[in-house]
Amino acid sequence: MIASPVSSPTFTSTPAQFTPEIAPHILAFNLLKSLLPAQFDGVIVLYEVDESQIPINAAQVQKAEDVIQFAKQKEGNSFTELLNTIYQVAPHLKR
C-alpha cells in the first residue's frame, strides 16, 4: 500500500510586518530609570521640571514617575521633548 504524501498547509497571506514600538512615555520612563544620578539631575534642569514636584530623598524610580506625570501635564509634544532632553544628556542611549 502506497501512502499518499501529506501536504503542508499553504498560506495565501504573508505574515504581518511590524516593528515593535514602545510608547514614548514608557520609553522615557525606562530611560530615566537607567540614568546616572547626575544625568537624571541634568534632565530635570534642562527639561525645566518644577523641582517642587520631585521629592528630594525619593528613589530614582519614584522621581522618574514624577517626571512622567509632569510631562503628561505639559502642552505640546512633551514626550518628544523629554526624550530629546534625555538623549542630549545621555547620547549613548539613543537608538
N, C-alpha and C. Protein backbone atom coordinates (compact mmCIF):
# COMPACT_ATOMS: atom_id res chain seq x y z
N MET A 1 0.83 -1.16 0.00
CA MET A 1 0.00 0.00 0.00
C MET A 1 0.89 1.23 0.00
N ILE A 2 0.57 2.12 -0.89
CA ILE A 2 1.36 3.34 -1.03
C ILE A 2 0.65 4.45 -0.28
N ALA A 3 1.39 5.09 0.59
CA ALA A 3 0.81 6.19 1.37
C ALA A 3 0.83 7.45 0.54
N SER A 4 -0.22 8.18 0.64
CA SER A 4 -0.25 9.44 -0.10
C SER A 4 0.58 10.48 0.66
N PRO A 5 1.29 11.29 -0.07
CA PRO A 5 2.12 12.29 0.61
C PRO A 5 1.25 13.30 1.37
N VAL A 6 1.71 13.65 2.52
CA VAL A 6 0.99 14.64 3.33
C VAL A 6 1.47 16.02 2.90
N SER A 7 0.54 16.82 2.55
CA SER A 7 0.94 18.15 2.11
C SER A 7 0.83 19.14 3.27
N SER A 8 1.72 20.07 3.25
CA SER A 8 1.70 21.12 4.25
C SER A 8 0.64 22.13 3.88
N PRO A 9 0.02 22.72 4.85
CA PRO A 9 -0.96 23.76 4.51
C PRO A 9 -0.25 24.94 3.84
N THR A 10 -0.92 25.53 2.93
CA THR A 10 -0.35 26.70 2.27
C THR A 10 -1.06 27.95 2.77
N PHE A 11 -0.29 28.98 2.93
CA PHE A 11 -0.84 30.25 3.39
C PHE A 11 -0.83 31.23 2.24
N THR A 12 -1.96 31.83 2.02
CA THR A 12 -2.04 32.77 0.91
C THR A 12 -1.64 34.19 1.32
N SER A 13 -1.70 34.48 2.60
CA SER A 13 -1.32 35.83 3.01
C SER A 13 0.08 35.80 3.60
N THR A 14 0.75 36.90 3.48
CA THR A 14 2.10 36.99 4.04
C THR A 14 1.99 37.37 5.51
N PRO A 15 2.96 36.98 6.31
CA PRO A 15 2.90 37.36 7.72
C PRO A 15 2.95 38.88 7.87
N ALA A 16 2.29 39.36 8.88
CA ALA A 16 2.25 40.80 9.12
C ALA A 16 3.65 41.31 9.45
N GLN A 17 4.01 42.38 8.83
CA GLN A 17 5.28 43.03 9.10
C GLN A 17 5.04 44.10 10.14
N PHE A 18 5.76 44.05 11.21
CA PHE A 18 5.61 45.10 12.21
C PHE A 18 6.93 45.29 12.92
N THR A 19 7.10 46.46 13.43
CA THR A 19 8.26 46.74 14.26
C THR A 19 7.72 47.07 15.64
N PRO A 20 8.20 46.35 16.61
CA PRO A 20 7.69 46.62 17.95
C PRO A 20 8.11 48.01 18.41
N GLU A 21 7.16 48.83 18.72
CA GLU A 21 7.46 50.18 19.18
C GLU A 21 7.00 50.32 20.62
N ILE A 22 7.78 51.03 21.36
CA ILE A 22 7.45 51.27 22.75
C ILE A 22 6.79 52.64 22.82
N ALA A 23 5.72 52.72 23.59
CA ALA A 23 5.06 54.02 23.76
C ALA A 23 6.06 55.02 24.32
N PRO A 24 6.01 56.26 23.84
CA PRO A 24 7.01 57.26 24.26
C PRO A 24 7.11 57.44 25.77
N HIS A 25 5.99 57.39 26.48
CA HIS A 25 6.06 57.58 27.94
C HIS A 25 6.74 56.41 28.63
N ILE A 26 6.58 55.22 28.09
CA ILE A 26 7.24 54.04 28.67
C ILE A 26 8.73 54.08 28.36
N LEU A 27 9.08 54.45 27.13
CA LEU A 27 10.48 54.58 26.76
C LEU A 27 11.16 55.63 27.63
N ALA A 28 10.52 56.78 27.79
CA ALA A 28 11.09 57.84 28.62
C ALA A 28 11.27 57.37 30.06
N PHE A 29 10.28 56.68 30.59
CA PHE A 29 10.36 56.17 31.96
C PHE A 29 11.54 55.21 32.12
N ASN A 30 11.67 54.27 31.18
CA ASN A 30 12.77 53.30 31.25
C ASN A 30 14.13 53.98 31.13
N LEU A 31 14.23 54.98 30.26
CA LEU A 31 15.49 55.69 30.11
C LEU A 31 15.82 56.50 31.36
N LEU A 32 14.82 57.15 31.92
CA LEU A 32 15.05 57.93 33.15
C LEU A 32 15.56 57.04 34.27
N LYS A 33 15.00 55.85 34.38
CA LYS A 33 15.43 54.92 35.44
C LYS A 33 16.87 54.49 35.25
N SER A 34 17.34 54.46 34.00
CA SER A 34 18.68 53.94 33.73
C SER A 34 19.78 55.01 33.82
N LEU A 35 19.39 56.27 33.96
CA LEU A 35 20.38 57.34 34.02
C LEU A 35 21.15 57.33 35.33
N LEU A 36 22.38 57.81 35.25
CA LEU A 36 23.15 58.05 36.47
C LEU A 36 22.52 59.24 37.19
N PRO A 37 22.69 59.35 38.50
CA PRO A 37 22.07 60.45 39.24
C PRO A 37 22.39 61.84 38.67
N ALA A 38 23.63 62.09 38.29
CA ALA A 38 23.99 63.40 37.73
C ALA A 38 23.29 63.63 36.39
N GLN A 39 23.15 62.57 35.58
CA GLN A 39 22.44 62.70 34.30
C GLN A 39 20.96 62.98 34.55
N PHE A 40 20.39 62.27 35.52
CA PHE A 40 18.99 62.48 35.86
C PHE A 40 18.76 63.93 36.27
N ASP A 41 19.65 64.46 37.11
CA ASP A 41 19.54 65.85 37.53
C ASP A 41 19.65 66.79 36.34
N GLY A 42 20.50 66.44 35.38
CA GLY A 42 20.63 67.25 34.18
C GLY A 42 19.33 67.30 33.38
N VAL A 43 18.65 66.17 33.30
CA VAL A 43 17.36 66.14 32.60
C VAL A 43 16.35 67.03 33.33
N ILE A 44 16.34 66.95 34.65
CA ILE A 44 15.42 67.77 35.45
C ILE A 44 15.62 69.26 35.14
N VAL A 45 16.87 69.68 35.10
CA VAL A 45 17.18 71.10 34.85
C VAL A 45 16.84 71.48 33.41
N LEU A 46 17.32 70.71 32.43
CA LEU A 46 17.13 71.06 31.02
C LEU A 46 15.67 70.97 30.58
N TYR A 47 14.94 70.01 31.14
CA TYR A 47 13.53 69.83 30.78
C TYR A 47 12.64 70.80 31.56
N GLU A 48 13.27 71.53 32.46
CA GLU A 48 12.59 72.55 33.26
C GLU A 48 11.43 71.97 34.09
N VAL A 49 11.73 70.86 34.76
CA VAL A 49 10.75 70.25 35.65
C VAL A 49 10.62 71.11 36.89
N ASP A 50 9.41 71.32 37.32
CA ASP A 50 9.17 72.04 38.57
C ASP A 50 9.70 71.16 39.70
N GLU A 51 10.84 71.56 40.24
CA GLU A 51 11.53 70.72 41.23
C GLU A 51 10.72 70.55 42.50
N SER A 52 9.72 71.37 42.73
CA SER A 52 8.88 71.18 43.91
C SER A 52 8.01 69.94 43.77
N GLN A 53 7.87 69.42 42.53
CA GLN A 53 7.09 68.20 42.30
C GLN A 53 7.94 66.94 42.45
N ILE A 54 9.24 67.10 42.63
CA ILE A 54 10.15 65.96 42.73
C ILE A 54 10.64 65.84 44.17
N PRO A 55 10.30 64.76 44.86
CA PRO A 55 10.79 64.60 46.24
C PRO A 55 12.31 64.44 46.27
N ILE A 56 12.94 65.14 47.19
CA ILE A 56 14.41 65.16 47.26
C ILE A 56 14.99 63.79 47.59
N ASN A 57 14.45 63.12 48.58
CA ASN A 57 15.04 61.87 49.07
C ASN A 57 14.37 60.62 48.51
N ALA A 58 13.61 60.74 47.46
CA ALA A 58 12.94 59.58 46.88
C ALA A 58 13.90 58.78 46.00
N ALA A 59 13.57 57.52 45.79
CA ALA A 59 14.34 56.68 44.87
C ALA A 59 14.17 57.22 43.45
N GLN A 60 15.16 56.96 42.61
CA GLN A 60 15.13 57.49 41.25
C GLN A 60 13.91 57.00 40.48
N VAL A 61 13.45 55.79 40.75
CA VAL A 61 12.28 55.27 40.05
C VAL A 61 11.05 56.12 40.39
N GLN A 62 10.93 56.56 41.64
CA GLN A 62 9.82 57.43 42.02
C GLN A 62 9.95 58.80 41.36
N LYS A 63 11.18 59.31 41.32
CA LYS A 63 11.41 60.59 40.65
C LYS A 63 11.08 60.49 39.17
N ALA A 64 11.42 59.35 38.54
CA ALA A 64 11.11 59.14 37.13
C ALA A 64 9.60 59.16 36.91
N GLU A 65 8.85 58.53 37.81
CA GLU A 65 7.39 58.55 37.71
C GLU A 65 6.87 59.98 37.79
N ASP A 66 7.47 60.77 38.67
CA ASP A 66 7.04 62.17 38.82
C ASP A 66 7.36 62.99 37.57
N VAL A 67 8.50 62.72 36.94
CA VAL A 67 8.85 63.43 35.70
C VAL A 67 7.85 63.05 34.59
N ILE A 68 7.47 61.79 34.53
CA ILE A 68 6.48 61.35 33.53
C ILE A 68 5.15 62.07 33.77
N GLN A 69 4.73 62.17 35.02
CA GLN A 69 3.49 62.89 35.34
C GLN A 69 3.60 64.36 34.94
N PHE A 70 4.76 64.96 35.18
CA PHE A 70 4.99 66.34 34.79
C PHE A 70 4.88 66.48 33.27
N ALA A 71 5.48 65.54 32.53
CA ALA A 71 5.44 65.58 31.06
C ALA A 71 4.00 65.45 30.55
N LYS A 72 3.21 64.62 31.20
CA LYS A 72 1.81 64.44 30.78
C LYS A 72 1.02 65.73 30.93
N GLN A 73 1.41 66.57 31.89
CA GLN A 73 0.70 67.82 32.13
C GLN A 73 1.17 68.95 31.23
N LYS A 74 2.35 68.80 30.62
CA LYS A 74 2.86 69.83 29.72
C LYS A 74 2.09 69.82 28.41
N GLU A 75 2.06 70.96 27.77
CA GLU A 75 1.39 71.06 26.47
C GLU A 75 2.34 70.70 25.35
N GLY A 76 1.79 70.35 24.21
CA GLY A 76 2.60 70.08 23.02
C GLY A 76 3.16 68.67 23.02
N ASN A 77 4.28 68.52 22.33
CA ASN A 77 4.94 67.21 22.21
C ASN A 77 5.86 66.97 23.40
N SER A 78 5.27 66.87 24.55
CA SER A 78 6.06 66.81 25.78
C SER A 78 6.96 65.59 25.86
N PHE A 79 6.51 64.44 25.38
CA PHE A 79 7.35 63.24 25.46
C PHE A 79 8.47 63.28 24.43
N THR A 80 8.21 63.87 23.27
CA THR A 80 9.28 64.06 22.29
C THR A 80 10.34 64.97 22.86
N GLU A 81 9.90 66.04 23.49
CA GLU A 81 10.83 66.99 24.11
C GLU A 81 11.60 66.31 25.26
N LEU A 82 10.90 65.51 26.06
CA LEU A 82 11.56 64.81 27.16
C LEU A 82 12.60 63.82 26.62
N LEU A 83 12.23 63.05 25.61
CA LEU A 83 13.18 62.08 25.03
C LEU A 83 14.38 62.81 24.44
N ASN A 84 14.16 63.92 23.76
CA ASN A 84 15.28 64.68 23.21
C ASN A 84 16.20 65.19 24.31
N THR A 85 15.62 65.59 25.43
CA THR A 85 16.41 66.05 26.57
C THR A 85 17.23 64.91 27.14
N ILE A 86 16.62 63.75 27.28
CA ILE A 86 17.34 62.57 27.78
C ILE A 86 18.51 62.24 26.86
N TYR A 87 18.26 62.25 25.55
CA TYR A 87 19.32 61.93 24.59
C TYR A 87 20.41 63.01 24.56
N GLN A 88 20.05 64.24 24.88
CA GLN A 88 21.04 65.31 24.96
C GLN A 88 21.98 65.07 26.15
N VAL A 89 21.42 64.62 27.26
CA VAL A 89 22.19 64.37 28.47
C VAL A 89 22.97 63.05 28.37
N ALA A 90 22.37 62.06 27.74
CA ALA A 90 22.98 60.73 27.64
C ALA A 90 22.87 60.23 26.20
N PRO A 91 23.67 60.77 25.28
CA PRO A 91 23.55 60.42 23.86
C PRO A 91 23.77 58.95 23.57
N HIS A 92 24.46 58.25 24.43
CA HIS A 92 24.72 56.82 24.21
C HIS A 92 23.45 55.98 24.30
N LEU A 93 22.37 56.54 24.84
CA LEU A 93 21.11 55.79 24.97
C LEU A 93 20.25 55.87 23.72
N LYS A 94 20.59 56.77 22.81
CA LYS A 94 19.77 56.95 21.61
C LYS A 94 19.86 55.72 20.72
N ARG A 95 18.71 55.31 20.22
CA ARG A 95 18.65 54.13 19.36
C ARG A 95 18.95 54.48 17.93
